[in-house]
Amino acid sequence: AEGWESTGVAKVPAFALSEAERAELAGAYGVQVNARVVGGRIAIEGMPAGFQIVNEGGALWAKPSNGAKERLVPEGPTQFVSDANSGRRYEFVRDTDGRIDRLVLRVDDAALEAVRAP
């Protein structure tokens, strides 16, 4: 609209998380890489990558191993959108015991799954 500042980032309604809820999500998450021996050499399928999720200053931050730190804006208890790029969405997934065990990053139509480090 005319006269409105445009940042290119979609505005989403705020969803508040408690300190304990943010702390539960914080930690290291790594992308599993498939390695196998081919012709006497190790072949690595997939790009080694990971994320450090940090609970800092009352917010969650994602620091990809190959990118800049970005603030995560909660859309729900386990769903977040990047403050820097609204096309980048993070979802924390619970295991059958109710513990957060992985993170799914969705960028447009692609998805990358990272497993939580023990």
N, C-alpha and C. Protein backbone atom coordinates (compact mmCIF):
# COMPACT_ATOMS: atom_id res chain seq x y z
N ALA A 1 0.84 -1.18 0.00
CA ALA A 1 0.00 0.00 0.00
C ALA A 1 0.88 1.24 0.00
N GLU A 2 0.39 2.28 -0.54
CA GLU A 2 1.16 3.50 -0.67
C GLU A 2 1.49 4.06 0.70
N GLY A 3 2.76 4.44 0.86
CA GLY A 3 3.19 5.03 2.12
C GLY A 3 3.56 4.02 3.20
N TRP A 4 3.37 2.72 2.94
CA TRP A 4 3.72 1.70 3.91
C TRP A 4 5.12 1.21 3.61
N GLU A 5 5.86 0.96 4.67
CA GLU A 5 7.19 0.42 4.49
C GLU A 5 7.09 -1.05 4.07
N SER A 6 7.85 -1.43 3.08
CA SER A 6 7.84 -2.82 2.61
C SER A 6 9.18 -3.46 2.89
N THR A 7 9.17 -4.55 3.65
CA THR A 7 10.41 -5.26 3.96
C THR A 7 10.53 -6.54 3.16
N GLY A 8 9.47 -6.95 2.48
CA GLY A 8 9.52 -8.20 1.74
C GLY A 8 9.27 -9.41 2.62
N VAL A 9 9.06 -9.21 3.90
CA VAL A 9 8.81 -10.31 4.83
C VAL A 9 7.34 -10.29 5.22
N ALA A 10 6.71 -11.45 5.13
CA ALA A 10 5.30 -11.55 5.50
C ALA A 10 5.14 -11.36 7.01
N LYS A 11 4.15 -10.66 7.40
CA LYS A 11 3.85 -10.48 8.82
C LYS A 11 2.96 -11.64 9.28
N VAL A 12 3.35 -12.25 10.39
CA VAL A 12 2.55 -13.35 10.93
C VAL A 12 2.14 -12.98 12.35
N PRO A 13 0.98 -13.44 12.77
CA PRO A 13 0.57 -13.15 14.14
C PRO A 13 1.55 -13.77 15.13
N ALA A 14 1.86 -13.04 16.18
CA ALA A 14 2.81 -13.53 17.18
C ALA A 14 2.19 -14.65 18.00
N PHE A 15 2.99 -15.63 18.30
CA PHE A 15 2.62 -16.72 19.18
C PHE A 15 3.69 -16.73 20.25
N ALA A 16 3.33 -16.56 21.49
CA ALA A 16 4.31 -16.45 22.57
C ALA A 16 4.69 -17.82 23.12
N LEU A 17 6.00 -18.02 23.30
CA LEU A 17 6.52 -19.23 23.93
C LEU A 17 7.16 -18.84 25.26
N SER A 18 7.04 -19.71 26.23
CA SER A 18 7.68 -19.47 27.52
C SER A 18 9.18 -19.77 27.41
N GLU A 19 9.92 -19.34 28.39
CA GLU A 19 11.36 -19.62 28.45
C GLU A 19 11.61 -21.13 28.41
N ALA A 20 10.81 -21.90 29.15
CA ALA A 20 10.98 -23.36 29.17
C ALA A 20 10.69 -23.98 27.80
N GLU A 21 9.69 -23.48 27.11
CA GLU A 21 9.36 -23.99 25.77
C GLU A 21 10.49 -23.68 24.78
N ARG A 22 11.05 -22.47 24.86
CA ARG A 22 12.17 -22.13 23.98
C ARG A 22 13.39 -22.97 24.31
N ALA A 23 13.66 -23.17 25.60
CA ALA A 23 14.82 -23.96 26.03
C ALA A 23 14.71 -25.41 25.54
N GLU A 24 13.49 -25.94 25.51
CA GLU A 24 13.29 -27.32 25.03
C GLU A 24 13.67 -27.47 23.55
N LEU A 25 13.49 -26.44 22.76
CA LEU A 25 13.78 -26.50 21.33
C LEU A 25 15.23 -26.21 21.00
N ALA A 26 15.93 -25.49 21.89
CA ALA A 26 17.31 -25.11 21.64
C ALA A 26 18.22 -26.33 21.62
N GLY A 27 19.24 -26.27 20.77
CA GLY A 27 20.21 -27.36 20.70
C GLY A 27 20.80 -27.49 19.31
N ALA A 28 21.60 -28.52 19.11
CA ALA A 28 22.25 -28.77 17.83
C ALA A 28 21.46 -29.81 17.04
N TYR A 29 21.28 -29.56 15.76
CA TYR A 29 20.57 -30.45 14.86
C TYR A 29 21.45 -30.67 13.64
N GLY A 30 21.64 -31.94 13.24
CA GLY A 30 22.51 -32.24 12.10
C GLY A 30 21.79 -33.01 11.02
N VAL A 31 22.17 -32.72 9.79
CA VAL A 31 21.62 -33.43 8.64
C VAL A 31 22.41 -34.73 8.50
N GLN A 32 21.72 -35.84 8.42
CA GLN A 32 22.39 -37.12 8.25
C GLN A 32 22.90 -37.26 6.83
N VAL A 33 24.14 -37.71 6.72
CA VAL A 33 24.78 -37.88 5.42
C VAL A 33 24.98 -39.36 5.18
N ASN A 34 24.69 -39.83 3.99
CA ASN A 34 24.92 -41.22 3.62
C ASN A 34 26.32 -41.34 3.02
N ALA A 35 27.13 -42.22 3.59
CA ALA A 35 28.48 -42.45 3.06
C ALA A 35 28.61 -43.93 2.73
N ARG A 36 29.27 -44.21 1.61
CA ARG A 36 29.50 -45.60 1.21
C ARG A 36 30.80 -45.67 0.43
N VAL A 37 31.35 -46.86 0.36
CA VAL A 37 32.60 -47.06 -0.38
C VAL A 37 32.25 -47.41 -1.81
N VAL A 38 32.82 -46.65 -2.75
CA VAL A 38 32.61 -46.88 -4.18
C VAL A 38 33.98 -46.90 -4.84
N GLY A 39 34.35 -48.04 -5.40
CA GLY A 39 35.64 -48.14 -6.09
C GLY A 39 36.82 -47.80 -5.20
N GLY A 40 36.77 -48.19 -3.95
CA GLY A 40 37.86 -47.92 -3.02
C GLY A 40 37.87 -46.51 -2.44
N ARG A 41 36.90 -45.71 -2.79
CA ARG A 41 36.80 -44.34 -2.26
C ARG A 41 35.49 -44.17 -1.50
N ILE A 42 35.48 -43.23 -0.61
CA ILE A 42 34.25 -42.95 0.14
C ILE A 42 33.43 -41.95 -0.66
N ALA A 43 32.20 -42.32 -0.94
CA ALA A 43 31.26 -41.43 -1.63
C ALA A 43 30.29 -40.89 -0.60
N ILE A 44 30.16 -39.59 -0.55
CA ILE A 44 29.24 -38.94 0.39
C ILE A 44 28.07 -38.40 -0.39
N GLU A 45 26.87 -38.82 0.00
CA GLU A 45 25.65 -38.35 -0.65
C GLU A 45 24.99 -37.33 0.25
N GLY A 46 24.71 -36.19 -0.29
CA GLY A 46 24.12 -35.12 0.51
C GLY A 46 25.18 -34.17 0.99
N MET A 47 24.78 -32.99 1.36
CA MET A 47 25.72 -31.98 1.83
C MET A 47 25.71 -31.97 3.36
N PRO A 48 26.90 -32.16 3.98
CA PRO A 48 26.93 -32.06 5.44
C PRO A 48 26.48 -30.67 5.88
N ALA A 49 25.53 -30.64 6.75
CA ALA A 49 25.01 -29.35 7.23
C ALA A 49 24.38 -29.56 8.60
N GLY A 50 24.09 -28.49 9.23
CA GLY A 50 23.44 -28.58 10.53
C GLY A 50 22.95 -27.21 10.96
N PHE A 51 22.32 -27.20 12.11
CA PHE A 51 21.75 -25.98 12.66
C PHE A 51 22.04 -25.95 14.15
N GLN A 52 22.35 -24.78 14.64
CA GLN A 52 22.40 -24.55 16.07
C GLN A 52 21.21 -23.67 16.38
N ILE A 53 20.30 -24.15 17.21
CA ILE A 53 19.14 -23.36 17.62
C ILE A 53 19.46 -22.79 19.00
N VAL A 54 19.42 -21.47 19.10
CA VAL A 54 19.84 -20.78 20.31
C VAL A 54 18.67 -20.01 20.91
N ASN A 55 18.51 -20.14 22.23
CA ASN A 55 17.50 -19.39 22.98
C ASN A 55 18.22 -18.17 23.56
N GLU A 56 17.98 -17.00 22.95
CA GLU A 56 18.76 -15.83 23.32
C GLU A 56 17.89 -14.58 23.26
N GLY A 57 17.94 -13.78 24.30
CA GLY A 57 17.21 -12.51 24.30
C GLY A 57 15.71 -12.67 24.18
N GLY A 58 15.15 -13.75 24.73
CA GLY A 58 13.71 -13.96 24.69
C GLY A 58 13.19 -14.45 23.36
N ALA A 59 14.10 -14.94 22.49
CA ALA A 59 13.69 -15.43 21.17
C ALA A 59 14.55 -16.63 20.79
N LEU A 60 14.07 -17.39 19.82
CA LEU A 60 14.87 -18.47 19.26
C LEU A 60 15.56 -17.96 18.00
N TRP A 61 16.80 -18.41 17.82
CA TRP A 61 17.61 -18.04 16.66
C TRP A 61 18.13 -19.32 16.01
N ALA A 62 18.15 -19.36 14.70
CA ALA A 62 18.72 -20.49 13.97
C ALA A 62 20.03 -20.03 13.34
N LYS A 63 21.08 -20.82 13.56
CA LYS A 63 22.37 -20.53 12.93
C LYS A 63 22.74 -21.74 12.09
N PRO A 64 22.43 -21.70 10.78
CA PRO A 64 22.83 -22.80 9.91
C PRO A 64 24.35 -22.87 9.82
N SER A 65 24.89 -24.07 9.62
CA SER A 65 26.33 -24.22 9.54
C SER A 65 26.92 -23.46 8.36
N ASN A 66 26.10 -23.17 7.37
CA ASN A 66 26.61 -22.48 6.18
C ASN A 66 25.86 -21.18 5.89
N GLY A 67 25.40 -20.49 6.93
CA GLY A 67 24.63 -19.27 6.69
C GLY A 67 24.60 -18.34 7.89
N ALA A 68 23.88 -17.26 7.74
CA ALA A 68 23.77 -16.24 8.79
C ALA A 68 22.71 -16.62 9.81
N LYS A 69 22.90 -16.16 11.03
CA LYS A 69 21.93 -16.37 12.11
C LYS A 69 20.66 -15.60 11.80
N GLU A 70 19.51 -16.24 12.05
CA GLU A 70 18.23 -15.58 11.80
C GLU A 70 17.27 -15.84 12.96
N ARG A 71 16.48 -14.83 13.27
CA ARG A 71 15.50 -14.96 14.35
C ARG A 71 14.31 -15.78 13.85
N LEU A 72 13.81 -16.67 14.71
CA LEU A 72 12.66 -17.49 14.37
C LEU A 72 11.42 -16.91 15.04
N VAL A 73 10.41 -16.64 14.23
CA VAL A 73 9.16 -16.07 14.74
C VAL A 73 8.16 -17.23 14.88
N PRO A 74 7.68 -17.47 16.10
CA PRO A 74 6.76 -18.60 16.29
C PRO A 74 5.40 -18.38 15.65
N GLU A 75 4.92 -19.42 14.98
CA GLU A 75 3.55 -19.43 14.45
C GLU A 75 2.70 -20.40 15.26
N GLY A 76 3.34 -21.21 16.07
CA GLY A 76 2.70 -22.20 16.92
C GLY A 76 3.76 -22.75 17.85
N PRO A 77 3.44 -23.74 18.66
CA PRO A 77 4.41 -24.25 19.64
C PRO A 77 5.64 -24.88 19.01
N THR A 78 5.54 -25.40 17.80
CA THR A 78 6.69 -26.04 17.14
C THR A 78 6.89 -25.56 15.71
N GLN A 79 6.13 -24.57 15.25
CA GLN A 79 6.25 -24.06 13.89
C GLN A 79 6.75 -22.62 13.93
N PHE A 80 7.76 -22.35 13.09
CA PHE A 80 8.39 -21.03 13.07
C PHE A 80 8.64 -20.59 11.63
N VAL A 81 8.75 -19.29 11.46
CA VAL A 81 9.11 -18.71 10.17
C VAL A 81 10.33 -17.81 10.42
N SER A 82 11.23 -17.78 9.46
CA SER A 82 12.41 -16.93 9.56
C SER A 82 12.00 -15.47 9.48
N ASP A 83 12.58 -14.66 10.35
CA ASP A 83 12.32 -13.22 10.32
C ASP A 83 12.99 -12.58 9.09
N ALA A 84 14.02 -13.25 8.56
CA ALA A 84 14.75 -12.71 7.42
C ALA A 84 14.15 -13.12 6.08
N ASN A 85 13.45 -14.26 6.06
CA ASN A 85 12.93 -14.80 4.79
C ASN A 85 11.67 -15.59 5.09
N SER A 86 10.51 -15.06 4.74
CA SER A 86 9.24 -15.71 5.07
C SER A 86 9.03 -17.01 4.31
N GLY A 87 9.85 -17.29 3.31
CA GLY A 87 9.76 -18.56 2.59
C GLY A 87 10.48 -19.69 3.30
N ARG A 88 11.19 -19.36 4.37
CA ARG A 88 11.96 -20.36 5.12
C ARG A 88 11.22 -20.66 6.42
N ARG A 89 10.73 -21.89 6.53
CA ARG A 89 9.94 -22.29 7.70
C ARG A 89 10.61 -23.45 8.42
N TYR A 90 10.57 -23.39 9.74
CA TYR A 90 11.18 -24.41 10.60
C TYR A 90 10.07 -25.10 11.38
N GLU A 91 10.15 -26.42 11.45
CA GLU A 91 9.21 -27.18 12.27
C GLU A 91 9.98 -28.18 13.12
N PHE A 92 9.75 -28.13 14.42
CA PHE A 92 10.37 -29.08 15.35
C PHE A 92 9.41 -30.25 15.51
N VAL A 93 9.94 -31.47 15.45
CA VAL A 93 9.11 -32.68 15.45
C VAL A 93 9.42 -33.51 16.69
N ARG A 94 8.37 -33.99 17.33
CA ARG A 94 8.51 -34.81 18.54
C ARG A 94 8.56 -36.29 18.18
N ASP A 95 9.29 -37.06 19.01
CA ASP A 95 9.30 -38.51 18.85
C ASP A 95 8.09 -39.11 19.57
N THR A 96 7.99 -40.42 19.60
CA THR A 96 6.83 -41.07 20.22
C THR A 96 6.76 -40.86 21.72
N ASP A 97 7.89 -40.45 22.34
CA ASP A 97 7.91 -40.17 23.77
C ASP A 97 7.63 -38.70 24.08
N GLY A 98 7.39 -37.91 23.02
CA GLY A 98 7.06 -36.50 23.21
C GLY A 98 8.25 -35.57 23.26
N ARG A 99 9.46 -36.10 23.04
CA ARG A 99 10.67 -35.26 23.04
C ARG A 99 10.96 -34.74 21.64
N ILE A 100 11.48 -33.53 21.55
CA ILE A 100 11.89 -32.98 20.26
C ILE A 100 13.10 -33.77 19.78
N ASP A 101 12.98 -34.40 18.60
CA ASP A 101 14.11 -35.19 18.11
C ASP A 101 14.60 -34.80 16.73
N ARG A 102 13.89 -33.89 16.05
CA ARG A 102 14.36 -33.44 14.75
C ARG A 102 13.74 -32.11 14.38
N LEU A 103 14.31 -31.55 13.35
CA LEU A 103 13.91 -30.25 12.84
C LEU A 103 13.75 -30.38 11.34
N VAL A 104 12.67 -29.86 10.80
CA VAL A 104 12.45 -29.87 9.35
C VAL A 104 12.47 -28.42 8.89
N LEU A 105 13.38 -28.13 7.97
CA LEU A 105 13.45 -26.81 7.35
C LEU A 105 12.81 -26.91 5.99
N ARG A 106 11.80 -26.06 5.76
CA ARG A 106 11.13 -26.01 4.45
C ARG A 106 11.45 -24.67 3.80
N VAL A 107 11.96 -24.75 2.59
CA VAL A 107 12.23 -23.56 1.80
C VAL A 107 11.48 -23.73 0.50
N ASP A 108 10.43 -22.94 0.34
CA ASP A 108 9.55 -23.06 -0.82
C ASP A 108 9.04 -24.50 -0.91
N ASP A 109 9.38 -25.26 -1.96
CA ASP A 109 8.87 -26.63 -2.11
C ASP A 109 9.85 -27.70 -1.63
N ALA A 110 11.01 -27.31 -1.14
CA ALA A 110 12.03 -28.28 -0.70
C ALA A 110 11.99 -28.42 0.83
N ALA A 111 12.39 -29.59 1.31
CA ALA A 111 12.44 -29.84 2.76
C ALA A 111 13.76 -30.52 3.11
N LEU A 112 14.32 -30.13 4.24
CA LEU A 112 15.57 -30.70 4.75
C LEU A 112 15.33 -31.10 6.19
N GLU A 113 15.63 -32.34 6.52
CA GLU A 113 15.41 -32.84 7.88
C GLU A 113 16.74 -32.96 8.61
N ALA A 114 16.79 -32.42 9.82
CA ALA A 114 17.98 -32.49 10.65
C ALA A 114 17.62 -33.16 11.98
N VAL A 115 18.46 -34.11 12.40
CA VAL A 115 18.23 -34.87 13.62
C VAL A 115 18.91 -34.17 14.79
N ARG A 116 18.25 -34.15 15.93
CA ARG A 116 18.80 -33.49 17.11
C ARG A 116 19.99 -34.29 17.63
N ALA A 117 21.06 -33.58 17.96
CA ALA A 117 22.24 -34.23 18.53
C ALA A 117 21.92 -34.68 19.95
N PRO A 118 22.44 -35.84 20.33
CA PRO A 118 22.18 -36.33 21.69
C PRO A 118 22.78 -35.46 22.78
